[in-house]
Amino acid sequence: MTTFRQHMRERIVQELGEIPDVLRPGIYALTFRIDSVDQDPRLPYLAFGYVTEDHVDQQLSRADPPGEWEARWSYAYFPPSALEGVGVLGHDRVHDPRGSELHHQEAVAEGLWWEDGLPEHENENENEDKNEDKNEDGDEDDEEERAERLDAEFRALCVDLARELHEGGHLVGTLGRSVPVVLYDMFAPDEMFELTRAANPPEVAAGFLSGERML
């Protein structure tokens, strides 16, 4: 049986392989934007994207250009290919129904799921038998603890996925070289350096990590 982790690994390799050949020489980083549907920790997803040297050149040639580090590494200047991403995978029923199903099943099995307050579209699509999904205690503190565990598990998974792109040779095999994978959450910007450091070999992420001293 396919696990959520296996599904995510297969999807991320698939997304990498679907980058158009014409863009590959100019890509200097991949991006993993970590987010969740309606900011609900039960519904996490990863938006896969990339940034190119051409985009940096465009930013630096503006009449009021940003600093070189900001133009290259700050998500405030990322193009749509790195902000919205070119592929969404995880617990997003619109973009990844299989991933949503697997993540839900595993969250239930781990005792981390609760039913109260789900977005309407999610309630409509979950399994018909919801009895096992409910947080019987209705305890807000318990829900907060579950939310923290779900969030931590998904972030750790995203780090592992990036590491596997390096260690499995997928980056070199697809792009012809190793490039950093920048992990960020726009709702937790302070974590981007820690996440990206954990996800990449030090020498590969050195350019991005140099910004930690400036911010």
C-alpha atoms as a PDB file:
ATOM      1  CA  MET A   1       0.000   0.000   0.000  1.00  0.00           C
ATOM      2  CA  THR A   2       1.293   3.425  -0.947  1.00  0.00           C
ATOM      3  CA  THR A   3       2.005   5.722   1.984  1.00  0.00           C
ATOM      4  CA  PHE A   4       1.640   9.491   2.017  1.00  0.00           C
ATOM      5  CA  ARG A   5       5.431   9.820   2.118  1.00  0.00           C
ATOM      6  CA  GLN A   6       5.851   7.561  -0.922  1.00  0.00           C
ATOM      7  CA  HIS A   7       3.173   9.483  -2.793  1.00  0.00           C
ATOM      8  CA  MET A   8       4.865  12.802  -2.039  1.00  0.00           C
ATOM      9  CA  ARG A   9       8.259  11.439  -3.082  1.00  0.00           C
ATOM     10  CA  GLU A  10       6.862  10.199  -6.390  1.00  0.00           C
ATOM     11  CA  ARG A  11       5.027  13.449  -7.056  1.00  0.00           C
ATOM     12  CA  ILE A  12       8.018  15.684  -6.312  1.00  0.00           C
ATOM     13  CA  VAL A  13      10.239  13.672  -8.657  1.00  0.00           C
ATOM     14  CA  GLN A  14       7.486  13.863 -11.269  1.00  0.00           C
ATOM     15  CA  GLU A  15       7.199  17.645 -10.886  1.00  0.00           C
ATOM     16  CA  LEU A  16      10.955  18.020 -11.223  1.00  0.00           C
ATOM     17  CA  GLY A  17      10.944  15.958 -14.400  1.00  0.00           C
ATOM     18  CA  GLU A  18       8.187  18.089 -15.923  1.00  0.00           C
ATOM     19  CA  ILE A  19      10.198  21.320 -15.844  1.00  0.00           C
ATOM     20  CA  PRO A  20      10.540  22.359 -19.508  1.00  0.00           C
ATOM     21  CA  ASP A  21      13.937  21.575 -20.988  1.00  0.00           C
ATOM     22  CA  VAL A  22      14.368  25.136 -22.227  1.00  0.00           C
ATOM     23  CA  LEU A  23      14.202  26.499 -18.652  1.00  0.00           C
ATOM     24  CA  ARG A  24      16.500  24.012 -16.957  1.00  0.00           C
ATOM     25  CA  PRO A  25      19.871  25.681 -17.730  1.00  0.00           C
ATOM     26  CA  GLY A  26      18.761  28.928 -16.077  1.00  0.00           C
ATOM     27  CA  ILE A  27      17.329  27.487 -12.865  1.00  0.00           C
ATOM     28  CA  TYR A  28      19.472  28.290  -9.822  1.00  0.00           C
ATOM     29  CA  ALA A  29      17.099  27.059  -7.081  1.00  0.00           C
ATOM     30  CA  LEU A  30      13.994  25.014  -6.494  1.00  0.00           C
ATOM     31  CA  THR A  31      11.366  26.250  -4.058  1.00  0.00           C
ATOM     32  CA  PHE A  32       9.117  24.416  -1.622  1.00  0.00           C
ATOM     33  CA  ARG A  33       6.446  26.785  -0.317  1.00  0.00           C
ATOM     34  CA  ILE A  34       4.878  25.152   2.721  1.00  0.00           C
ATOM     35  CA  ASP A  35       1.239  26.095   3.238  1.00  0.00           C
ATOM     36  CA  SER A  36      -2.182  24.689   4.125  1.00  0.00           C
ATOM     37  CA  VAL A  37      -5.671  25.018   2.676  1.00  0.00           C
ATOM     38  CA  ASP A  38      -7.518  27.845   4.462  1.00  0.00           C
ATOM     39  CA  GLN A  39      -4.627  27.899   6.953  1.00  0.00           C
ATOM     40  CA  ASP A  40      -5.967  24.667   8.442  1.00  0.00           C
ATOM     41  CA  PRO A  41      -3.116  22.511   9.840  1.00  0.00           C
ATOM     42  CA  ARG A  42      -5.046  19.359   8.917  1.00  0.00           C
ATOM     43  CA  LEU A  43      -4.726  20.248   5.229  1.00  0.00           C
ATOM     44  CA  PRO A  44      -1.018  20.890   4.532  1.00  0.00           C
ATOM     45  CA  TYR A  45       0.426  21.107   1.066  1.00  0.00           C
ATOM     46  CA  LEU A  46       3.684  21.867  -0.693  1.00  0.00           C
ATOM     47  CA  ALA A  47       3.842  24.197  -3.704  1.00  0.00           C
ATOM     48  CA  PHE A  48       6.786  23.113  -5.858  1.00  0.00           C
ATOM     49  CA  GLY A  49       8.503  25.773  -7.969  1.00  0.00           C
ATOM     50  CA  TYR A  50      11.754  27.230  -9.224  1.00  0.00           C
ATOM     51  CA  VAL A  51      13.564  30.512  -9.891  1.00  0.00           C
ATOM     52  CA  THR A  52      15.765  31.442 -12.842  1.00  0.00           C
ATOM     53  CA  GLU A  53      18.728  33.680 -13.506  1.00  0.00           C
ATOM     54  CA  ASP A  54      16.645  35.627 -16.037  1.00  0.00           C
ATOM     55  CA  HIS A  55      14.257  36.671 -13.277  1.00  0.00           C
ATOM     56  CA  VAL A  56      17.123  37.907 -11.102  1.00  0.00           C
ATOM     57  CA  ASP A  57      18.476  39.933 -14.031  1.00  0.00           C
ATOM     58  CA  GLN A  58      15.051  41.504 -14.496  1.00  0.00           C
ATOM     59  CA  GLN A  59      14.868  42.498 -10.830  1.00  0.00           C
ATOM     60  CA  LEU A  60      18.358  43.993 -10.809  1.00  0.00           C
ATOM     61  CA  SER A  61      17.689  46.002 -13.968  1.00  0.00           C
ATOM     62  CA  ARG A  62      14.681  47.791 -12.446  1.00  0.00           C
ATOM     63  CA  ALA A  63      14.858  51.534 -11.839  1.00  0.00           C
ATOM     64  CA  ASP A  64      14.714  50.807  -8.091  1.00  0.00           C
ATOM     65  CA  PRO A  65      16.425  47.423  -7.845  1.00  0.00           C
ATOM     66  CA  PRO A  66      16.498  45.402  -4.636  1.00  0.00           C
ATOM     67  CA  GLY A  67      19.763  44.250  -3.125  1.00  0.00           C
ATOM     68  CA  GLU A  68      21.457  41.337  -4.833  1.00  0.00           C
ATOM     69  CA  TRP A  69      20.576  38.850  -2.081  1.00  0.00           C
ATOM     70  CA  GLU A  70      16.951  39.987  -1.987  1.00  0.00           C
ATOM     71  CA  ALA A  71      16.617  39.779  -5.774  1.00  0.00           C
ATOM     72  CA  ARG A  72      17.924  36.236  -5.766  1.00  0.00           C
ATOM     73  CA  TRP A  73      16.630  34.736  -2.539  1.00  0.00           C
ATOM     74  CA  SER A  74      13.804  36.744  -0.961  1.00  0.00           C
ATOM     75  CA  TYR A  75      10.349  35.344  -1.691  1.00  0.00           C
ATOM     76  CA  ALA A  76       9.122  38.941  -1.801  1.00  0.00           C
ATOM     77  CA  TYR A  77      10.746  39.063  -5.256  1.00  0.00           C
ATOM     78  CA  PHE A  78      10.044  35.526  -6.408  1.00  0.00           C
ATOM     79  CA  PRO A  79       8.179  35.071  -9.717  1.00  0.00           C
ATOM     80  CA  PRO A  80       4.867  33.186  -9.909  1.00  0.00           C
ATOM     81  CA  SER A  81       6.763  29.973 -10.701  1.00  0.00           C
ATOM     82  CA  ALA A  82       8.175  30.096  -7.159  1.00  0.00           C
ATOM     83  CA  LEU A  83       5.290  31.724  -5.283  1.00  0.00           C
ATOM     84  CA  GLU A  84       2.202  29.970  -6.618  1.00  0.00           C
ATOM     85  CA  GLY A  85       4.473  27.180  -7.788  1.00  0.00           C
ATOM     86  CA  VAL A  86       4.095  24.958 -10.817  1.00  0.00           C
ATOM     87  CA  GLY A  87       2.716  21.984  -8.878  1.00  0.00           C
ATOM     88  CA  VAL A  88       0.786  21.545  -5.635  1.00  0.00           C
ATOM     89  CA  LEU A  89       0.976  18.281  -3.718  1.00  0.00           C
ATOM     90  CA  GLY A  90      -0.260  17.192  -0.320  1.00  0.00           C
ATOM     91  CA  HIS A  91      -3.649  17.552   1.339  1.00  0.00           C
ATOM     92  CA  ASP A  92      -5.256  19.689  -1.363  1.00  0.00           C
ATOM     93  CA  ARG A  93      -8.271  17.951  -2.878  1.00  0.00           C
ATOM     94  CA  VAL A  94      -8.327  20.161  -5.958  1.00  0.00           C
ATOM     95  CA  HIS A  95      -4.711  19.605  -6.981  1.00  0.00           C
ATOM     96  CA  ASP A  96      -3.845  16.302  -5.311  1.00  0.00           C
ATOM     97  CA  PRO A  97      -6.874  14.143  -4.452  1.00  0.00           C
ATOM     98  CA  ARG A  98      -4.789  11.013  -3.889  1.00  0.00           C
ATOM     99  CA  GLY A  99      -2.442  12.842  -1.546  1.00  0.00           C
ATOM    100  CA  SER A 100      -5.421  14.220   0.365  1.00  0.00           C
ATOM    101  CA  GLU A 101      -6.856  10.755   0.804  1.00  0.00           C
ATOM    102  CA  LEU A 102      -3.581   9.261   2.028  1.00  0.00           C
ATOM    103  CA  HIS A 103      -2.811  12.123   4.402  1.00  0.00           C
ATOM    104  CA  HIS A 104      -6.297  11.941   5.887  1.00  0.00           C
ATOM    105  CA  GLN A 105      -6.060   8.187   6.406  1.00  0.00           C
ATOM    106  CA  GLU A 106      -2.713   8.445   8.159  1.00  0.00           C
ATOM    107  CA  ALA A 107      -3.767  11.390  10.328  1.00  0.00           C
ATOM    108  CA  VAL A 108      -6.783   9.375  11.480  1.00  0.00           C
ATOM    109  CA  ALA A 109      -4.634   6.297  12.148  1.00  0.00           C
ATOM    110  CA  GLU A 110      -2.214   8.371  14.229  1.00  0.00           C
ATOM    111  CA  GLY A 111      -5.044   9.908  16.246  1.00  0.00           C
ATOM    112  CA  LEU A 112      -4.237  13.386  14.938  1.00  0.00           C
ATOM    113  CA  TRP A 113      -7.470  14.090  13.049  1.00  0.00           C
ATOM    114  CA  TRP A 114     -10.495  15.957  14.358  1.00  0.00           C
ATOM    115  CA  GLU A 115     -13.637  16.859  12.497  1.00  0.00           C
ATOM    116  CA  ASP A 116     -14.845  20.157  13.984  1.00  0.00           C
ATOM    117  CA  GLY A 117     -14.468  23.286  11.878  1.00  0.00           C
ATOM    118  CA  LEU A 118     -13.366  21.685   8.623  1.00  0.00           C
ATOM    119  CA  PRO A 119     -13.908  23.734   5.452  1.00  0.00           C
ATOM    120  CA  GLU A 120     -17.230  22.820   3.850  1.00  0.00           C
ATOM    121  CA  HIS A 121     -15.648  21.326   0.729  1.00  0.00           C
ATOM    122  CA  GLU A 122     -13.486  19.075   2.878  1.00  0.00           C
ATOM    123  CA  ASN A 123     -16.451  17.820   4.912  1.00  0.00           C
ATOM    124  CA  GLU A 124     -18.265  16.932   1.714  1.00  0.00           C
ATOM    125  CA  ASN A 125     -15.423  14.823   0.424  1.00  0.00           C
ATOM    126  CA  GLU A 126     -14.115  12.945   3.448  1.00  0.00           C
ATOM    127  CA  ASN A 127     -15.032   9.337   4.104  1.00  0.00           C
ATOM    128  CA  GLU A 128     -18.689   8.760   4.868  1.00  0.00           C
ATOM    129  CA  ASP A 129     -17.941   7.173   8.231  1.00  0.00           C
ATOM    130  CA  LYS A 130     -16.709  10.088  10.294  1.00  0.00           C
ATOM    131  CA  ASN A 131     -17.099   8.547  13.716  1.00  0.00           C
ATOM    132  CA  GLU A 132     -13.463   7.502  13.870  1.00  0.00           C
ATOM    133  CA  ASP A 133     -12.325  10.962  12.781  1.00  0.00           C
ATOM    134  CA  LYS A 134     -13.886  12.975  15.564  1.00  0.00           C
ATOM    135  CA  ASN A 135     -12.096  14.457  18.506  1.00  0.00           C
ATOM    136  CA  GLU A 136     -14.378  12.961  21.136  1.00  0.00           C
ATOM    137  CA  ASP A 137     -13.157  15.294  23.881  1.00  0.00           C
ATOM    138  CA  GLY A 138     -13.798  18.492  21.938  1.00  0.00           C
ATOM    139  CA  ASP A 139     -10.794  19.867  23.812  1.00  0.00           C
ATOM    140  CA  GLU A 140      -9.261  22.953  22.201  1.00  0.00           C
ATOM    141  CA  ASP A 141      -5.919  22.290  23.877  1.00  0.00           C
ATOM    142  CA  ASP A 142      -5.936  18.776  22.450  1.00  0.00           C
ATOM    143  CA  GLU A 143      -6.711  20.120  18.972  1.00  0.00           C
ATOM    144  CA  GLU A 144      -3.843  22.589  19.283  1.00  0.00           C
ATOM    145  CA  GLU A 145      -1.466  19.789  20.217  1.00  0.00           C
ATOM    146  CA  ARG A 146      -2.625  17.708  17.264  1.00  0.00           C
ATOM    147  CA  ALA A 147      -2.227  20.700  14.978  1.00  0.00           C
ATOM    148  CA  GLU A 148       1.349  21.233  16.150  1.00  0.00           C
ATOM    149  CA  ARG A 149       2.198  17.576  15.534  1.00  0.00           C
ATOM    150  CA  LEU A 150       0.649  17.615  12.051  1.00  0.00           C
ATOM    151  CA  ASP A 151       2.541  20.790  11.203  1.00  0.00           C
ATOM    152  CA  ALA A 152       5.841  19.451  12.509  1.00  0.00           C
ATOM    153  CA  GLU A 153       5.441  16.142  10.674  1.00  0.00           C
ATOM    154  CA  PHE A 154       4.703  17.844   7.368  1.00  0.00           C
ATOM    155  CA  ARG A 155       7.650  20.231   7.673  1.00  0.00           C
ATOM    156  CA  ALA A 156       9.946  17.325   8.464  1.00  0.00           C
ATOM    157  CA  LEU A 157       8.588  15.480   5.430  1.00  0.00           C
ATOM    158  CA  CYS A 158       9.288  18.476   3.181  1.00  0.00           C
ATOM    159  CA  VAL A 159      12.870  18.617   4.455  1.00  0.00           C
ATOM    160  CA  ASP A 160      13.261  14.894   3.772  1.00  0.00           C
ATOM    161  CA  LEU A 161      11.873  15.274   0.247  1.00  0.00           C
ATOM    162  CA  ALA A 162      14.419  17.968  -0.557  1.00  0.00           C
ATOM    163  CA  ARG A 163      17.246  15.877   0.871  1.00  0.00           C
ATOM    164  CA  GLU A 164      16.135  12.909  -1.220  1.00  0.00           C
ATOM    165  CA  LEU A 165      16.281  15.023  -4.389  1.00  0.00           C
ATOM    166  CA  HIS A 166      19.957  15.596  -3.584  1.00  0.00           C
ATOM    167  CA  GLU A 167      20.867  12.161  -2.259  1.00  0.00           C
ATOM    168  CA  GLY A 168      18.938  10.271  -4.923  1.00  0.00           C
ATOM    169  CA  GLY A 169      20.691  12.127  -7.737  1.00  0.00           C
ATOM    170  CA  HIS A 170      17.439  13.545  -9.083  1.00  0.00           C
ATOM    171  CA  LEU A 171      18.674  17.132  -9.252  1.00  0.00           C
ATOM    172  CA  VAL A 172      21.872  16.271 -11.081  1.00  0.00           C
ATOM    173  CA  GLY A 173      20.001  13.841 -13.303  1.00  0.00           C
ATOM    174  CA  THR A 174      17.387  16.399 -14.319  1.00  0.00           C
ATOM    175  CA  LEU A 175      19.212  19.746 -14.204  1.00  0.00           C
ATOM    176  CA  GLY A 176      22.763  18.525 -14.761  1.00  0.00           C
ATOM    177  CA  ARG A 177      23.915  20.026 -11.454  1.00  0.00           C
ATOM    178  CA  SER A 178      22.930  20.378  -7.828  1.00  0.00           C
ATOM    179  CA  VAL A 179      20.925  23.461  -6.863  1.00  0.00           C
ATOM    180  CA  PRO A 180      19.518  24.449  -3.467  1.00  0.00           C
ATOM    181  CA  VAL A 181      15.942  23.732  -2.498  1.00  0.00           C
ATOM    182  CA  VAL A 182      14.610  26.769  -0.627  1.00  0.00           C
ATOM    183  CA  LEU A 183      11.899  25.878   1.897  1.00  0.00           C
ATOM    184  CA  TYR A 184       9.712  28.673   3.195  1.00  0.00           C
ATOM    185  CA  ASP A 185       6.391  29.387   4.836  1.00  0.00           C
ATOM    186  CA  MET A 186       5.115  32.920   4.329  1.00  0.00           C
ATOM    187  CA  PHE A 187       3.284  32.686   7.659  1.00  0.00           C
ATOM    188  CA  ALA A 188       6.473  31.663   9.504  1.00  0.00           C
ATOM    189  CA  PRO A 189       9.301  33.508   7.698  1.00  0.00           C
ATOM    190  CA  ASP A 190      11.789  33.074  10.547  1.00  0.00           C
ATOM    191  CA  GLU A 191      11.907  29.338   9.893  1.00  0.00           C
ATOM    192  CA  MET A 192      13.106  29.464   6.280  1.00  0.00           C
ATOM    193  CA  PHE A 193      16.804  29.398   7.133  1.00  0.00           C
ATOM    194  CA  GLU A 194      16.494  26.477   9.542  1.00  0.00           C
ATOM    195  CA  LEU A 195      14.378  24.490   7.077  1.00  0.00           C
ATOM    196  CA  THR A 196      16.614  25.202   4.095  1.00  0.00           C
ATOM    197  CA  ARG A 197      19.772  24.450   6.079  1.00  0.00           C
ATOM    198  CA  ALA A 198      18.378  21.065   7.069  1.00  0.00           C
ATOM    199  CA  ALA A 199      17.307  20.255   3.506  1.00  0.00           C
ATOM    200  CA  ASN A 200      20.531  20.900   1.605  1.00  0.00           C
ATOM    201  CA  PRO A 201      24.262  20.174   1.662  1.00  0.00           C
ATOM    202  CA  PRO A 202      25.955  23.229   3.259  1.00  0.00           C
ATOM    203  CA  GLU A 203      27.932  24.220   0.186  1.00  0.00           C
ATOM    204  CA  VAL A 204      24.858  24.090  -2.049  1.00  0.00           C
ATOM    205  CA  ALA A 205      22.750  26.364   0.164  1.00  0.00           C
ATOM    206  CA  ALA A 206      25.564  28.742   1.165  1.00  0.00           C
ATOM    207  CA  GLY A 207      24.325  31.617  -0.991  1.00  0.00           C
ATOM    208  CA  PHE A 208      20.863  31.532   0.483  1.00  0.00           C
ATOM    209  CA  LEU A 209      22.080  31.012   4.048  1.00  0.00           C
ATOM    210  CA  SER A 210      24.402  34.027   3.812  1.00  0.00           C
ATOM    211  CA  GLY A 211      21.290  36.178   4.120  1.00  0.00           C
ATOM    212  CA  GLU A 212      20.697  34.973   7.667  1.00  0.00           C
ATOM    213  CA  ARG A 213      23.416  37.369   8.864  1.00  0.00           C
ATOM    214  CA  MET A 214      21.787  40.306   7.115  1.00  0.00           C
ATOM    215  CA  LEU A 215      18.221  39.894   8.325  1.00  0.00           C
END
